[in-house]
């Protein structure tokens, strides 16, 4: 359990640090990449929301059905 927390803390810190280093060394290129990423996320947003909603809905249906069968 402690290893997982330490690994997460290190990985997330290194990831954020690398993003800052990348932006500091190549601001123009980083800005273009972030702009492209923002555009892709805006276009994919409704589809991602629909997929997550379906997954959560299916989970709740299965959880409710197993709760009814088990009681």
Protein backbone atom coordinates (compact mmCIF):
# COMPACT_ATOMS: atom_id res chain seq x y z
CA UNK A 1 0.00 0.00 0.00
CA UNK A 2 2.79 2.40 0.86
CA UNK A 3 4.65 1.48 -2.34
CA UNK A 4 1.60 2.34 -4.44
CA UNK A 5 1.28 5.75 -2.79
CA UNK A 6 4.98 6.51 -3.18
CA UNK A 7 4.92 5.38 -6.83
CA UNK A 8 1.86 7.55 -7.53
CA UNK A 9 3.38 10.57 -5.79
CA UNK A 10 6.67 10.24 -7.68
CA UNK A 11 5.06 9.57 -11.05
CA UNK A 12 2.63 12.48 -10.78
CA UNK A 13 5.35 14.87 -9.61
CA UNK A 14 7.72 13.84 -12.38
CA UNK A 15 4.95 14.15 -14.98
CA UNK A 16 4.06 17.69 -13.92
CA UNK A 17 7.75 18.61 -13.75
CA UNK A 18 8.37 17.30 -17.25
CA UNK A 19 5.45 19.32 -18.58
CA UNK A 20 6.92 22.50 -17.07
CA UNK A 21 10.40 21.72 -18.43
CA UNK A 22 8.97 21.02 -21.88
CA UNK A 23 7.07 24.31 -21.86
CA UNK A 24 10.10 26.24 -20.59
CA UNK A 25 12.42 24.82 -23.25
CA UNK A 26 10.04 24.92 -26.24
CA UNK A 27 7.17 27.30 -25.51
CA UNK A 28 6.03 27.69 -29.11
CA UNK A 29 5.90 23.98 -29.80
CA UNK A 30 4.26 23.26 -26.44
CA UNK A 31 1.62 25.91 -27.05
CA UNK A 32 0.78 24.39 -30.45
CA UNK A 33 0.53 20.89 -28.97
CA UNK A 34 -1.67 22.09 -26.10
CA UNK A 35 -3.90 23.91 -28.57
CA UNK A 36 -4.29 20.73 -30.64
CA UNK A 37 -5.05 18.74 -27.49
CA UNK A 38 -7.66 21.29 -26.40
CA UNK A 39 -9.36 21.10 -29.80
CA UNK A 40 -9.44 17.29 -29.71
CA UNK A 41 -10.90 17.29 -26.21
CA UNK A 42 -13.59 19.79 -27.16
CA UNK A 43 -14.57 17.67 -30.17
CA UNK A 44 -14.51 14.39 -28.21
CA UNK A 45 -16.17 15.76 -25.07
CA UNK A 46 -19.78 14.73 -25.83
CA UNK A 47 -18.75 11.24 -26.93
CA UNK A 48 -16.61 10.72 -23.83
CA UNK A 49 -19.47 11.90 -21.61
CA UNK A 50 -21.89 9.51 -23.33
CA UNK A 51 -19.53 6.55 -22.94
CA UNK A 52 -18.87 7.28 -19.27
CA UNK A 53 -22.61 7.69 -18.67
CA UNK A 54 -23.35 4.32 -20.27
CA UNK A 55 -20.64 2.59 -18.24
CA UNK A 56 -21.92 4.10 -14.99
CA UNK A 57 -25.50 3.24 -15.93
CA UNK A 58 -24.65 -0.37 -16.70
CA UNK A 59 -22.75 -0.64 -13.42
CA UNK A 60 -25.72 0.73 -11.47
CA UNK A 61 -28.17 -1.61 -13.23
CA UNK A 62 -25.99 -4.64 -12.50
CA UNK A 63 -25.45 -3.53 -8.90
CA UNK A 64 -29.19 -3.02 -8.41
CA UNK A 65 -30.07 -6.35 -10.00
CA UNK A 66 -27.57 -8.27 -7.88
CA UNK A 67 -28.88 -6.46 -4.80
CA UNK A 68 -32.45 -7.50 -5.61
CA UNK A 69 -31.47 -11.11 -6.34
CA UNK A 70 -29.33 -11.34 -3.22
CA UNK A 71 -31.99 -10.04 -0.82
